[in-house]
């Protein structure tokens, strides 16, 4: 891959990362954030897919390189979905009663 093509892919990668951060910034703990993931995926499909297809058609990228980049983009969609789910359902630390029940279960097993 030529250096100028690598720089172009780096710029596209940074664009996707910025889109992801922007969508995550609009997520709320109250839920109903599915539209953010859908919009992010739509942006990738609308803007990245044709651009990478054109880079492949002009033989700047191999088919494998284009597919790898698109897979990376869709991995970012999955990561955004995971981050939003974590925001909506924060992990709960066990309270006094949960700890007591857990210790009681352990004692019964022994």
Protein backbone atom coordinates (compact mmCIF):
# COMPACT_ATOMS: atom_id res chain seq x y z
CA UNK A 1 0.00 0.00 0.00
CA UNK A 2 1.34 3.39 -0.94
CA UNK A 3 2.11 5.94 1.76
CA UNK A 4 -0.49 8.44 0.54
CA UNK A 5 -3.18 5.72 0.64
CA UNK A 6 -2.10 4.78 4.18
CA UNK A 7 -2.42 8.43 5.20
CA UNK A 8 -5.89 8.56 3.63
CA UNK A 9 -6.97 5.47 5.60
CA UNK A 10 -5.56 7.00 8.78
CA UNK A 11 -7.67 10.11 8.17
CA UNK A 12 -10.75 7.97 7.54
CA UNK A 13 -10.04 5.99 10.71
CA UNK A 14 -9.84 9.20 12.73
CA UNK A 15 -13.12 10.34 11.17
CA UNK A 16 -14.87 7.15 12.28
CA UNK A 17 -13.41 7.52 15.80
CA UNK A 18 -14.69 11.11 15.93
CA UNK A 19 -18.15 10.02 14.78
CA UNK A 20 -18.21 7.34 17.46
CA UNK A 21 -17.17 9.78 20.19
CA UNK A 22 -19.80 12.27 19.00
CA UNK A 23 -22.58 9.68 19.10
CA UNK A 24 -21.47 8.45 22.52
CA UNK A 25 -21.58 12.03 23.77
CA UNK A 26 -25.32 12.15 23.04
CA UNK A 27 -26.10 8.92 24.91
CA UNK A 28 -28.04 9.21 28.16
CA UNK A 29 -28.25 6.79 31.10
CA UNK A 30 -32.06 6.82 30.81
CA UNK A 31 -31.92 4.57 27.74
CA UNK A 32 -33.54 4.84 24.30
CA UNK A 33 -30.11 5.31 22.69
CA UNK A 34 -30.50 2.69 19.97
CA UNK A 35 -30.94 5.39 17.36
CA UNK A 36 -27.38 6.58 18.03
CA UNK A 37 -25.95 3.20 17.08
CA UNK A 38 -28.21 3.04 14.02
CA UNK A 39 -27.15 6.51 12.88
CA UNK A 40 -23.48 5.67 13.37
CA UNK A 41 -23.84 2.49 11.34
CA UNK A 42 -25.74 4.38 8.64
CA UNK A 43 -22.95 6.97 8.39
CA UNK A 44 -20.40 4.22 7.89
CA UNK A 45 -22.54 2.50 5.27
CA UNK A 46 -23.36 5.76 3.48
CA UNK A 47 -19.93 7.39 3.48
CA UNK A 48 -17.22 4.81 4.12
CA UNK A 49 -18.45 1.90 2.05
CA UNK A 50 -18.64 3.77 -1.31
CA UNK A 51 -15.33 5.52 -0.64
CA UNK A 52 -13.53 2.26 0.08
CA UNK A 53 -15.19 0.58 -2.88
CA UNK A 54 -13.85 3.37 -5.10
CA UNK A 55 -10.34 3.01 -3.63
CA UNK A 56 -10.54 -0.70 -4.43
CA UNK A 57 -11.88 -0.11 -7.95
CA UNK A 58 -9.03 2.31 -8.67
CA UNK A 59 -6.64 -0.36 -7.32
CA UNK A 60 -5.32 1.75 -4.46
CA UNK A 61 -6.49 -0.99 -2.07
CA UNK A 62 -6.74 -4.73 -2.42
CA UNK A 63 -10.09 -6.32 -1.77
CA UNK A 64 -8.73 -7.76 1.47
CA UNK A 65 -7.51 -4.34 2.66
CA UNK A 66 -10.89 -2.75 1.89
CA UNK A 67 -12.74 -5.55 3.69
CA UNK A 68 -10.43 -5.30 6.71
CA UNK A 69 -11.08 -1.58 6.98
CA UNK A 70 -14.85 -2.03 6.67
CA UNK A 71 -14.74 -4.77 9.30
CA UNK A 72 -12.83 -2.41 11.58
CA UNK A 73 -15.52 0.25 10.99
CA UNK A 74 -18.31 -2.16 11.91
CA UNK A 75 -16.32 -3.26 14.97
CA UNK A 76 -16.51 0.38 16.04
CA UNK A 77 -20.32 0.17 15.74
CA UNK A 78 -20.31 -2.89 18.00
CA UNK A 79 -18.03 -1.08 20.45
CA UNK A 80 -20.35 1.94 20.51
CA UNK A 81 -23.27 -0.40 21.24
CA UNK A 82 -21.30 -1.94 24.13
CA UNK A 83 -20.31 1.46 25.54
CA UNK A 84 -23.89 2.70 25.41
CA UNK A 85 -25.15 -0.46 27.13
CA UNK A 86 -22.58 0.09 29.89
CA UNK A 87 -23.79 3.67 30.26
CA UNK A 88 -27.43 2.57 30.45
CA UNK A 89 -26.82 -0.26 32.93
CA UNK A 90 -23.89 0.62 35.16
CA UNK A 91 -22.39 -2.22 37.13
CA UNK A 92 -23.80 -2.51 40.62
CA UNK A 93 -21.49 -3.19 43.50
CA UNK A 94 -22.90 -5.79 45.87
CA UNK A 95 -24.40 -4.32 48.98
CA UNK A 96 -24.38 -5.70 52.50
CA UNK A 97 -27.17 -8.23 51.92
CA UNK A 98 -25.71 -9.53 48.65
CA UNK A 99 -22.36 -10.08 50.37
CA UNK A 100 -24.04 -11.84 53.28
CA UNK A 101 -26.02 -14.13 50.97
CA UNK A 102 -22.89 -14.90 48.95
CA UNK A 103 -20.94 -15.83 52.07
CA UNK A 104 -23.84 -17.97 53.30
CA UNK A 105 -23.92 -19.86 49.97
CA UNK A 106 -20.17 -20.45 50.19
CA UNK A 107 -20.50 -21.72 53.76
CA UNK A 108 -23.23 -24.18 52.75
CA UNK A 109 -21.13 -25.51 49.87
CA UNK A 110 -18.25 -26.29 52.25
